[in-house]
Amino acid sequence: MTPANCPRCGARLARDNDSGRCAPCQAAERHRLSVPPEVPASFWSHPPLRAALVERHLGRVIRAYRHHPYHGRAALPQAVVASWLGITQAQLSRVENGPPLVHLDRLSHWAALLRVPEVQLWFSLPSRTLTMQTGQISVEVPKDEPPTIDVPAVVPITLEAAPDEGGGTTDRRRFTALAALAGLAGNSLLDTLAKADRKADAIGMEHIRLAGSLVERFRQADAALGADELCDVAMGIHTHLSAWAAASQYGRGLGEALQSALADLANQVAWLAVDADRRQQARPYLNDAITRARIADDPREEVRALACLSLLTREDHPAESLHCAEAALRASRGWATPRLRTLLRLRAAHAYAHLNDVGGFNREMTKARHEFDHGLHEDDLPFLQFVTAQELTGIQGLSFLALGKPTRAAESFRAISSGPHAAHRRNQVHYTVRLAEAEYRSGDVQSAALTGLQVLPAVKGLCSGRTMRHFAQVKQHLGREQSNPARTFVEAYSRVFQR
């Protein structure tokens, strides 16, 4: 095979292709930023990898893995691989260049995460796993062992539609299932953590992996369901792990990774509070995230917290919202990817709209679209997955509502409804509810009622407090109308949510 061929599929590369990968392979591997990619068996026959495995030095194995030609001409960044392993970039550098690792739990976890063939290893991996069904969530646990704090890094999660019964209240069986997605058994989650932390007074990598895996699981469940049934679980876990960390002992290097992991968890809890429409509870978690990010010298978590703070304050305090977006742009200068800059420009644009500054809104929206056109980047942070073309159109619609232009807002929201994004169902439902709001505000009562009827089952199954609040406002306004479509919607709403 010549250098002019794609190392992944063997296809001939175009003369102007300097990435080392053909376009289909680049597209197929974009998800590698959040999880390690699937690699062929021949991957492990690459001489540098074979040499590192013979040396029994996992750090050098990881380095050879990152520089494998399978990934293209540019090596995988240390920051990306470090995020898979639940450590910082600086820690990964020390692992790659320092003495061989000797801790079996870390060796086996990282080897399994990277899918190193067991026959190539100089140690044995843990026993195979079976699947434990808890409610509607599938959680992998070690065979013949109860769930413990040392949870698997990747857990398959199946989220089904909401049960028919229960109206707007939390179904206990489903709440227990959602608690299980944390990797622990049902509603004994905090008891299991409490028993575990009484066994040792020192923080280890397994605890940091727990915090990191929780964030990803909450993110997956939230994207499908909304935050109402996750918020209390996440808050309890954050409180428990924070108290545990404060009372435990750990070295400086491990402490930085721990603070970053807790900042990430605090940011996720804050977002869940926002989506559950528990806005007053969100701010303390954002303050906690900013503090921990500064202790860990982790600007990425600080910028994420500022972006969420801009979202939190944009309706009641739009000037503060704008200041937070601008502060995040300054803090991320020099390392922000186009997708992150897109999000921050959208935050600023929406704040300008609430300030009734049309010029500022148009300027920031133009910059946001320009950044978005640069496409994905290998250093995109996992939480940016929701920043899609749908999100740009949605924020444009929300901004038109804030500017008192409901007809233009409805046009934006209809564009989203006509081309739904399957991976972001929660946002799809939210923007459809806002379409109904834009329609009644523009005087089109019949369309608002029909849109409300169409989205009613999805809102019921979403469990998002902020979406439910806006939907209740739609019902309140249509309840004042005497037309048949409006009455039909109000009656249907009452049957579903008020029985």
Protein backbone atom coordinates (compact mmCIF):
# COMPACT_ATOMS: atom_id res chain seq x y z
CA MET A 1 0.00 0.00 0.00
CA THR A 2 1.37 3.41 -0.94
CA PRO A 3 1.15 6.64 1.09
CA ALA A 4 -1.46 7.75 -1.46
CA ASN A 5 -3.92 5.18 -0.10
CA CYS A 6 -6.23 5.49 2.91
CA PRO A 7 -4.74 3.33 5.71
CA ARG A 8 -8.23 2.46 6.95
CA CYS A 9 -9.97 1.18 3.79
CA GLY A 10 -7.23 1.23 1.15
CA ALA A 11 -9.04 3.65 -1.16
CA ARG A 12 -6.94 5.91 -3.37
CA LEU A 13 -6.58 9.43 -1.94
CA ALA A 14 -7.10 12.55 -4.03
CA ARG A 15 -4.01 14.59 -4.83
CA ASP A 16 -5.17 17.50 -2.66
CA ASN A 17 -6.08 15.28 0.31
CA ASP A 18 -3.52 16.04 3.03
CA SER A 19 -5.44 14.44 5.90
CA GLY A 20 -4.25 10.88 5.26
CA ARG A 21 -7.85 9.58 5.28
CA CYS A 22 -10.52 9.39 2.57
CA ALA A 23 -13.71 11.40 3.13
CA PRO A 24 -15.94 8.39 4.02
CA CYS A 25 -13.43 7.18 6.61
CA GLN A 26 -13.14 10.66 8.11
CA ALA A 27 -16.93 10.78 8.45
CA ALA A 28 -17.10 7.26 9.91
CA GLU A 29 -14.54 8.06 12.58
CA ARG A 30 -15.83 11.41 13.82
CA HIS A 31 -17.35 9.74 16.85
CA ARG A 32 -13.85 8.70 17.97
CA LEU A 33 -13.63 11.94 19.91
CA SER A 34 -16.01 10.62 22.55
CA VAL A 35 -15.19 6.88 22.47
CA PRO A 36 -12.28 4.79 21.13
CA PRO A 37 -12.91 3.69 17.53
CA GLU A 38 -13.43 0.13 16.36
CA VAL A 39 -10.17 -1.02 14.76
CA PRO A 40 -9.40 -4.05 12.57
CA ALA A 41 -7.39 -7.01 13.85
CA SER A 42 -4.46 -5.95 11.65
CA PHE A 43 -4.24 -2.72 13.64
CA TRP A 44 -2.36 -4.53 16.43
CA SER A 45 0.28 -5.89 14.03
CA HIS A 46 1.81 -2.45 13.47
CA PRO A 47 5.52 -2.77 14.49
CA PRO A 48 5.59 0.08 17.08
CA LEU A 49 2.53 -1.38 18.78
CA ARG A 50 3.97 -4.89 18.79
CA ALA A 51 7.22 -3.58 20.27
CA ALA A 52 5.40 -1.69 23.03
CA LEU A 53 3.35 -4.77 23.90
CA VAL A 54 6.51 -6.91 24.06
CA GLU A 55 8.04 -4.32 26.42
CA ARG A 56 4.98 -4.63 28.70
CA HIS A 57 4.68 -0.86 28.92
CA LEU A 58 1.05 0.25 28.56
CA GLY A 59 2.06 3.92 28.32
CA ARG A 60 4.11 3.17 25.22
CA VAL A 61 1.26 1.05 23.89
CA ILE A 62 -1.03 4.08 24.19
CA ARG A 63 1.53 6.30 22.49
CA ALA A 64 1.89 3.83 19.60
CA TYR A 65 -1.91 3.58 19.46
CA ARG A 66 -2.21 7.36 19.10
CA HIS A 67 0.41 7.52 16.32
CA HIS A 68 -0.94 4.56 14.34
CA PRO A 69 -1.35 5.43 10.63
CA TYR A 70 -4.91 4.08 10.87
CA HIS A 71 -5.87 7.42 12.43
CA GLY A 72 -4.48 9.44 9.53
CA ARG A 73 -1.30 11.45 9.11
CA ALA A 74 -1.93 13.39 12.33
CA ALA A 75 -1.71 11.46 15.60
CA LEU A 76 -4.67 11.38 17.94
CA PRO A 77 -4.23 14.27 20.42
CA GLN A 78 -3.26 13.34 23.95
CA ALA A 79 -6.23 15.35 25.24
CA VAL A 80 -8.69 13.16 23.32
CA VAL A 81 -7.21 9.85 24.49
CA ALA A 82 -6.83 11.19 28.03
CA SER A 83 -10.57 11.96 28.09
CA TRP A 84 -11.29 8.32 27.19
CA LEU A 85 -9.12 7.16 30.08
CA GLY A 86 -10.57 9.61 32.60
CA ILE A 87 -7.30 11.49 33.21
CA THR A 88 -5.78 14.80 32.18
CA GLN A 89 -3.51 15.40 29.19
CA ALA A 90 -0.57 16.05 31.54
CA GLN A 91 -1.18 12.75 33.33
CA LEU A 92 -1.29 10.85 30.05
CA SER A 93 2.02 12.42 29.07
CA ARG A 94 3.56 11.10 32.30
CA VAL A 95 2.03 7.66 31.68
CA GLU A 96 3.49 7.51 28.16
CA ASN A 97 6.96 8.72 29.14
CA GLY A 98 7.29 7.41 32.69
CA PRO A 99 7.92 3.96 34.17
CA PRO A 100 5.56 1.05 33.33
CA LEU A 101 2.23 0.93 35.14
CA VAL A 102 1.92 -1.82 37.73
CA HIS A 103 -1.65 -1.34 39.06
CA LEU A 104 -3.68 -4.22 37.62
CA ASP A 105 -7.04 -2.42 37.86
CA ARG A 106 -5.77 0.49 35.77
CA LEU A 107 -3.99 -1.80 33.30
CA SER A 108 -7.05 -3.97 32.74
CA HIS A 109 -9.48 -1.03 32.53
CA TRP A 110 -7.45 0.90 29.96
CA ALA A 111 -6.65 -2.19 27.90
CA ALA A 112 -10.33 -3.12 27.78
CA LEU A 113 -11.28 0.46 26.90
CA LEU A 114 -8.90 0.50 23.92
CA ARG A 115 -9.98 -3.05 22.96
CA VAL A 116 -6.44 -4.47 23.07
CA PRO A 117 -6.73 -8.20 22.18
CA GLU A 118 -6.31 -10.25 25.35
CA VAL A 119 -3.87 -12.61 23.63
CA GLN A 120 -1.49 -9.66 23.17
CA LEU A 121 -1.49 -8.69 26.87
CA TRP A 122 0.83 -9.78 29.65
CA PHE A 123 -1.99 -9.86 32.21
CA SER A 124 -5.55 -11.20 32.35
CA LEU A 125 -8.64 -9.06 31.85
CA PRO A 126 -11.55 -9.28 34.32
CA SER A 127 -14.14 -12.02 33.78
CA ARG A 128 -16.71 -11.50 31.10
CA THR A 129 -19.90 -9.64 31.92
CA LEU A 130 -23.55 -10.44 31.75
CA THR A 131 -26.45 -8.01 31.36
CA MET A 132 -28.63 -7.11 34.33
CA GLN A 133 -32.01 -5.67 33.38
CA THR A 134 -33.26 -3.00 35.76
CA GLY A 135 -36.52 -1.43 34.67
CA GLN A 136 -35.89 0.01 31.20
CA ILE A 137 -32.11 0.38 31.52
CA SER A 138 -29.60 -2.34 30.60
CA VAL A 139 -26.52 -2.20 32.83
CA GLU A 140 -23.50 -4.48 32.44
CA VAL A 141 -22.12 -5.81 35.72
CA PRO A 142 -19.29 -8.30 36.41
CA LYS A 143 -20.49 -11.89 36.33
CA ASP A 144 -21.35 -13.37 39.75
CA GLU A 145 -20.61 -10.06 41.46
CA PRO A 146 -22.97 -7.33 42.70
CA PRO A 147 -22.59 -3.82 41.27
CA THR A 148 -19.82 -1.89 43.01
CA ILE A 149 -18.32 1.55 42.76
CA ASP A 150 -15.80 0.33 40.15
CA VAL A 151 -18.24 0.46 37.22
CA PRO A 152 -17.52 -0.41 33.58
CA ALA A 153 -16.48 2.52 31.41
CA VAL A 154 -19.01 1.85 28.63
CA VAL A 155 -22.55 0.73 29.49
CA PRO A 156 -25.25 0.09 26.89
CA ILE A 157 -28.35 2.13 27.71
CA THR A 158 -31.75 1.50 26.16
CA LEU A 159 -34.29 4.22 26.80
CA GLU A 160 -37.88 3.51 25.86
CA ALA A 161 -40.88 5.81 25.67
CA ALA A 162 -42.52 7.01 28.87
CA PRO A 163 -45.24 4.80 30.40
CA ASP A 164 -48.83 5.78 29.66
CA GLU A 165 -49.83 6.16 33.26
CA GLY A 166 -48.73 8.87 35.64
CA GLY A 167 -49.43 12.17 33.86
CA GLY A 168 -46.87 14.80 34.82
CA THR A 169 -45.53 12.97 37.86
CA THR A 170 -42.45 10.80 38.25
CA ASP A 171 -43.11 7.10 37.82
CA ARG A 172 -41.30 5.31 40.67
CA ARG A 173 -40.35 2.26 38.62
CA ARG A 174 -38.81 4.44 35.94
CA PHE A 175 -37.03 6.58 38.53
CA THR A 176 -35.42 3.43 39.94
CA ALA A 177 -34.34 2.40 36.45
CA LEU A 178 -32.80 5.78 35.79
CA ALA A 179 -30.91 5.58 39.07
CA ALA A 180 -29.49 2.29 37.84
CA LEU A 181 -27.92 3.97 34.82
CA ALA A 182 -25.30 5.30 37.24
CA GLY A 183 -23.95 1.74 37.26
CA LEU A 184 -25.33 0.86 40.68
CA ALA A 185 -28.43 -1.06 41.70
CA GLY A 186 -31.67 0.90 41.72
CA ASN A 187 -32.56 3.17 44.61
CA SER A 188 -29.69 1.78 46.77
CA LEU A 189 -27.31 4.00 44.78
CA LEU A 190 -26.20 6.30 47.57
CA ASP A 191 -26.12 3.47 50.11
CA THR A 192 -23.71 1.59 47.86
CA LEU A 193 -21.52 4.66 47.54
CA ALA A 194 -21.61 5.21 51.29
CA LYS A 195 -20.53 1.63 52.01
CA ALA A 196 -17.74 1.92 49.47
CA ASP A 197 -16.29 5.13 50.85
CA ARG A 198 -16.16 3.76 54.38
CA LYS A 199 -13.72 1.11 53.16
CA ALA A 200 -10.96 3.54 52.20
CA ASP A 201 -9.93 7.11 52.97
CA ALA A 202 -7.91 7.60 49.77
CA ILE A 203 -9.18 8.60 46.33
CA GLY A 204 -8.11 6.33 43.47
CA MET A 205 -8.49 6.37 39.71
CA GLU A 206 -11.58 4.16 40.00
CA HIS A 207 -13.41 7.00 41.75
CA ILE A 208 -12.45 9.47 39.05
CA ARG A 209 -13.59 6.99 36.41
CA LEU A 210 -16.91 6.74 38.24
CA ALA A 211 -17.46 10.50 38.07
CA GLY A 212 -16.51 10.57 34.41
CA SER A 213 -18.75 7.63 33.47
CA LEU A 214 -21.67 9.16 35.35
CA VAL A 215 -21.47 12.35 33.29
CA GLU A 216 -21.64 10.44 30.01
CA ARG A 217 -24.54 8.30 31.19
CA PHE A 218 -26.51 11.29 32.40
CA ARG A 219 -25.80 13.04 29.08
CA GLN A 220 -27.13 10.07 27.10
CA ALA A 221 -30.26 9.69 29.20
CA ASP A 222 -30.95 13.44 29.22
CA ALA A 223 -30.70 13.65 25.42
CA ALA A 224 -33.44 11.03 25.14
CA LEU A 225 -35.67 11.79 28.12
CA GLY A 226 -35.15 15.24 29.57
CA ALA A 227 -33.98 16.03 33.05
CA ASP A 228 -36.95 15.74 35.44
CA GLU A 229 -36.22 12.14 36.46
CA LEU A 230 -32.44 12.58 36.47
CA CYS A 231 -31.98 15.83 38.35
CA ASP A 232 -32.40 14.60 41.94
CA VAL A 233 -30.24 11.52 41.28
CA ALA A 234 -27.46 13.68 39.81
CA MET A 235 -27.62 16.21 42.66
CA GLY A 236 -27.38 13.45 45.25
CA ILE A 237 -24.39 11.88 43.54
CA HIS A 238 -22.61 15.24 43.23
CA THR A 239 -23.16 16.00 46.91
CA HIS A 240 -21.93 12.57 47.97
CA LEU A 241 -18.83 12.52 45.77
CA SER A 242 -17.93 16.10 46.73
CA ALA A 243 -18.11 15.26 50.45
CA TRP A 244 -16.13 12.11 49.83
CA ALA A 245 -13.43 14.03 47.97
CA ALA A 246 -13.22 16.67 50.71
CA ALA A 247 -12.65 14.03 53.39
CA SER A 248 -10.21 11.85 51.43
CA GLN A 249 -6.50 11.94 50.70
CA TYR A 250 -4.89 12.15 47.28
CA GLY A 251 -1.77 13.48 45.62
CA ARG A 252 -1.49 16.62 43.55
CA GLY A 253 -1.65 14.91 40.14
CA LEU A 254 -4.65 12.82 41.10
CA GLY A 255 -6.23 15.86 42.70
CA GLU A 256 -6.21 17.78 39.42
CA ALA A 257 -7.96 14.93 37.64
CA LEU A 258 -10.46 14.65 40.49
CA GLN A 259 -11.29 18.37 40.47
CA SER A 260 -11.75 18.29 36.68
CA ALA A 261 -14.05 15.28 36.95
CA LEU A 262 -16.14 16.91 39.68
CA ALA A 263 -16.30 20.14 37.66
CA ASP A 264 -17.59 18.12 34.70
CA LEU A 265 -20.19 16.48 36.93
CA ALA A 266 -21.23 19.85 38.42
CA ASN A 267 -21.69 21.27 34.92
CA GLN A 268 -23.88 18.32 33.97
CA VAL A 269 -25.97 18.66 37.14
CA ALA A 270 -26.42 22.39 36.41
CA TRP A 271 -27.70 21.65 32.92
CA LEU A 272 -30.12 19.03 34.29
CA ALA A 273 -31.43 21.63 36.75
CA VAL A 274 -31.95 24.10 33.88
CA ASP A 275 -33.79 21.55 31.75
CA ALA A 276 -35.90 20.49 34.75
CA ASP A 277 -36.85 24.17 35.16
CA ARG A 278 -35.19 24.33 38.58
CA ARG A 279 -33.16 27.34 37.61
CA GLN A 280 -32.39 28.66 41.09
CA GLN A 281 -30.74 25.36 41.96
CA ALA A 282 -28.50 25.44 38.89
CA ARG A 283 -26.32 28.42 39.76
CA PRO A 284 -24.55 26.93 42.84
CA TYR A 285 -23.41 24.00 40.69
CA LEU A 286 -22.04 26.35 38.05
CA ASN A 287 -20.15 28.28 40.73
CA ASP A 288 -18.79 24.97 42.01
CA ALA A 289 -17.74 23.96 38.48
CA ILE A 290 -15.89 27.25 37.93
CA THR A 291 -14.08 26.95 41.27
CA ARG A 292 -13.00 23.36 40.66
CA ALA A 293 -11.97 24.13 37.09
CA ARG A 294 -9.69 26.91 38.30
CA ILE A 295 -8.18 24.69 40.99
CA ALA A 296 -7.47 22.06 38.33
CA ASP A 297 -6.32 24.67 35.79
CA ASP A 298 -8.97 23.30 33.42
CA PRO A 299 -10.20 26.17 31.21
CA ARG A 300 -12.49 23.87 29.24
CA GLU A 301 -14.73 23.15 32.21
CA GLU A 302 -14.66 26.83 33.20
CA VAL A 303 -15.77 27.86 29.71
CA ARG A 304 -18.50 25.23 29.72
CA ALA A 305 -19.79 26.60 33.03
CA LEU A 306 -19.78 30.17 31.69
CA ALA A 307 -21.69 29.03 28.60
CA CYS A 308 -24.33 27.39 30.80
CA LEU A 309 -24.45 30.48 33.04
CA SER A 310 -25.14 32.57 29.93
CA LEU A 311 -28.03 30.24 29.11
CA LEU A 312 -29.34 30.38 32.69
CA THR A 313 -29.43 34.19 32.90
CA ARG A 314 -30.46 35.22 29.39
CA GLU A 315 -34.17 35.79 30.11
CA ASP A 316 -34.02 37.51 33.51
CA HIS A 317 -30.57 39.12 33.28
CA PRO A 318 -29.62 39.38 29.59
CA ALA A 319 -26.75 41.81 30.24
CA GLU A 320 -25.13 39.27 32.59
CA SER A 321 -25.80 36.55 30.02
CA LEU A 322 -23.91 38.56 27.40
CA HIS A 323 -21.01 39.19 29.80
CA CYS A 324 -20.76 35.43 30.51
CA ALA A 325 -20.67 34.60 26.79
CA GLU A 326 -18.00 37.22 26.16
CA ALA A 327 -15.96 36.00 29.15
CA ALA A 328 -16.13 32.45 27.78
CA LEU A 329 -14.94 33.66 24.38
CA ARG A 330 -11.97 35.42 26.01
CA ALA A 331 -11.11 32.42 28.19
CA SER A 332 -11.18 30.05 25.20
CA ARG A 333 -9.17 32.25 22.85
CA GLY A 334 -6.33 30.27 21.30
CA TRP A 335 -7.78 26.79 21.82
CA ALA A 336 -11.55 26.91 21.14
CA THR A 337 -12.73 24.77 18.24
CA PRO A 338 -15.16 26.19 15.65
CA ARG A 339 -18.02 24.26 17.26
CA LEU A 340 -17.32 25.77 20.68
CA ARG A 341 -17.09 29.25 19.19
CA THR A 342 -20.41 28.57 17.44
CA LEU A 343 -22.07 27.83 20.78
CA LEU A 344 -20.63 30.90 22.48
CA ARG A 345 -21.65 33.16 19.57
CA LEU A 346 -25.17 31.71 19.79
CA ARG A 347 -25.27 32.48 23.51
CA ALA A 348 -24.23 36.08 22.77
CA ALA A 349 -26.76 36.40 19.91
CA HIS A 350 -29.62 35.26 22.12
CA ALA A 351 -28.57 37.64 24.89
CA TYR A 352 -28.53 40.54 22.42
CA ALA A 353 -32.05 39.55 21.33
CA HIS A 354 -33.29 39.76 24.92
CA LEU A 355 -31.62 43.17 25.14
CA ASN A 356 -33.62 44.13 22.01
CA ASP A 357 -30.36 44.85 20.17
CA VAL A 358 -31.11 43.75 16.61
CA GLY A 359 -27.68 44.77 15.32
CA GLY A 360 -25.87 42.77 17.99
CA PHE A 361 -28.09 39.76 17.37
CA ASN A 362 -27.50 39.81 13.61
CA ARG A 363 -23.75 40.26 14.04
CA GLU A 364 -23.36 37.33 16.45
CA MET A 365 -25.64 35.03 14.44
CA THR A 366 -23.55 35.72 11.33
CA LYS A 367 -20.38 34.87 13.25
CA ALA A 368 -21.99 31.73 14.67
CA ARG A 369 -22.92 30.47 11.21
CA HIS A 370 -19.45 31.28 9.90
CA GLU A 371 -17.85 29.23 12.70
CA PHE A 372 -20.31 26.38 12.21
CA ASP A 373 -19.39 26.16 8.52
CA HIS A 374 -15.85 25.15 9.52
CA GLY A 375 -17.28 21.77 10.56
CA LEU A 376 -16.27 19.29 13.24
CA HIS A 377 -12.84 19.21 14.85
CA GLU A 378 -10.98 16.39 16.54
CA ASP A 379 -10.72 18.45 19.74
CA ASP A 380 -14.47 19.14 20.02
CA LEU A 381 -15.62 18.56 23.61
CA PRO A 382 -18.24 15.80 24.12
CA PHE A 383 -20.94 18.16 25.41
CA LEU A 384 -20.90 20.05 22.08
CA GLN A 385 -22.66 17.20 20.27
CA PHE A 386 -25.97 19.08 20.43
CA VAL A 387 -24.54 22.06 18.48
CA THR A 388 -26.04 21.12 15.11
CA ALA A 389 -27.66 23.03 12.25
CA GLN A 390 -30.95 22.39 14.07
CA GLU A 391 -29.63 24.20 17.14
CA LEU A 392 -28.58 27.25 15.11
CA THR A 393 -32.05 27.45 13.59
CA GLY A 394 -33.65 26.92 17.00
CA ILE A 395 -31.68 29.71 18.69
CA GLN A 396 -32.54 31.96 15.75
CA GLY A 397 -36.23 31.20 16.34
CA LEU A 398 -35.98 31.84 20.09
CA SER A 399 -34.21 35.12 19.38
CA PHE A 400 -36.96 36.22 17.00
CA LEU A 401 -39.48 35.51 19.78
CA ALA A 402 -37.43 37.64 22.18
CA LEU A 403 -37.32 40.42 19.55
CA GLY A 404 -41.12 40.36 19.18
CA LYS A 405 -41.09 38.75 15.72
CA PRO A 406 -43.22 35.61 16.18
CA THR A 407 -43.92 35.10 12.46
CA ARG A 408 -40.21 34.85 11.66
CA ALA A 409 -39.73 32.68 14.74
CA ALA A 410 -42.40 30.28 13.47
CA GLU A 411 -40.58 30.01 10.13
CA SER A 412 -37.40 28.93 11.94
CA PHE A 413 -39.17 26.38 14.12
CA ARG A 414 -41.03 24.90 11.13
CA ALA A 415 -37.70 24.37 9.41
CA ILE A 416 -36.65 22.23 12.39
CA SER A 417 -39.91 20.25 12.35
CA SER A 418 -39.54 19.49 8.65
CA GLY A 419 -36.05 18.02 9.13
CA PRO A 420 -35.89 16.40 12.59
CA HIS A 421 -32.55 15.33 14.08
CA ALA A 422 -33.02 11.83 15.51
CA ALA A 423 -30.08 12.13 17.93
CA HIS A 424 -31.52 15.16 19.71
CA ARG A 425 -35.14 14.29 20.35
CA ARG A 426 -35.40 16.50 23.44
CA ASN A 427 -34.47 19.65 21.53
CA GLN A 428 -36.75 18.64 18.65
CA VAL A 429 -39.73 18.43 21.01
CA HIS A 430 -38.80 21.68 22.75
CA TYR A 431 -38.62 23.63 19.50
CA THR A 432 -41.94 22.17 18.33
CA VAL A 433 -43.55 23.47 21.53
CA ARG A 434 -41.99 26.87 20.85
CA LEU A 435 -43.46 26.67 17.32
CA ALA A 436 -46.93 26.44 18.86
CA GLU A 437 -46.05 29.45 21.03
CA ALA A 438 -44.86 31.45 18.00
CA GLU A 439 -48.03 30.55 16.07
CA TYR A 440 -50.46 31.76 18.72
CA ARG A 441 -48.38 34.89 19.30
CA SER A 442 -48.61 35.66 15.59
CA GLY A 443 -52.42 35.20 15.67
CA ASP A 444 -52.60 31.77 14.00
CA VAL A 445 -54.64 30.02 16.68
CA GLN A 446 -55.64 27.06 14.52
CA SER A 447 -52.04 26.18 13.61
CA ALA A 448 -50.98 26.56 17.24
CA ALA A 449 -53.69 24.14 18.36
CA LEU A 450 -52.82 21.59 15.68
CA THR A 451 -49.10 21.82 16.51
CA GLY A 452 -49.93 21.39 20.20
CA LEU A 453 -52.01 18.28 19.50
CA GLN A 454 -49.25 16.86 17.34
CA VAL A 455 -46.53 17.26 19.96
CA LEU A 456 -48.66 16.39 23.01
CA PRO A 457 -47.60 12.69 23.30
CA ALA A 458 -43.93 13.59 22.89
CA VAL A 459 -44.08 16.27 25.61
CA LYS A 460 -45.65 13.76 27.97
CA GLY A 461 -42.83 11.30 27.40
CA LEU A 462 -40.01 13.87 27.51
CA CYS A 463 -39.94 14.78 31.23
CA SER A 464 -38.38 18.20 30.68
CA GLY A 465 -39.59 20.87 33.10
CA ARG A 466 -38.64 23.82 30.90
CA THR A 467 -40.47 22.34 27.89
CA MET A 468 -43.49 21.56 30.07
CA ARG A 469 -43.56 25.15 31.35
CA HIS A 470 -43.74 26.56 27.82
CA PHE A 471 -46.33 23.96 26.84
CA ALA A 472 -48.47 24.96 29.81
CA GLN A 473 -48.27 28.57 28.59
CA VAL A 474 -49.52 27.44 25.17
CA LYS A 475 -52.47 25.73 26.86
CA GLN A 476 -53.18 28.82 28.97
CA HIS A 477 -53.31 31.12 25.93
CA LEU A 478 -55.35 28.73 23.79
CA GLY A 479 -57.73 28.23 26.69
CA ARG A 480 -58.93 31.80 26.11
CA GLU A 481 -59.93 30.99 22.53
CA GLN A 482 -63.35 29.69 21.47
CA SER A 483 -62.42 28.00 18.19
CA ASN A 484 -62.95 24.23 17.87
CA PRO A 485 -59.22 23.41 17.35
CA ALA A 486 -58.28 25.37 20.47
CA ARG A 487 -60.97 23.67 22.58
CA THR A 488 -59.92 20.26 21.25
CA PHE A 489 -56.30 20.90 22.25
CA VAL A 490 -57.21 22.16 25.73
CA GLU A 491 -59.43 19.13 26.37
CA ALA A 492 -56.70 16.75 25.22
CA TYR A 493 -54.11 18.54 27.35
CA SER A 494 -56.36 18.28 30.41
CA ARG A 495 -56.97 14.58 29.88
CA VAL A 496 -53.24 13.86 29.66
CA PHE A 497 -51.79 16.13 32.36
CA GLN A 498 -54.56 16.83 34.85
CA ARG A 499 -56.12 13.47 35.54
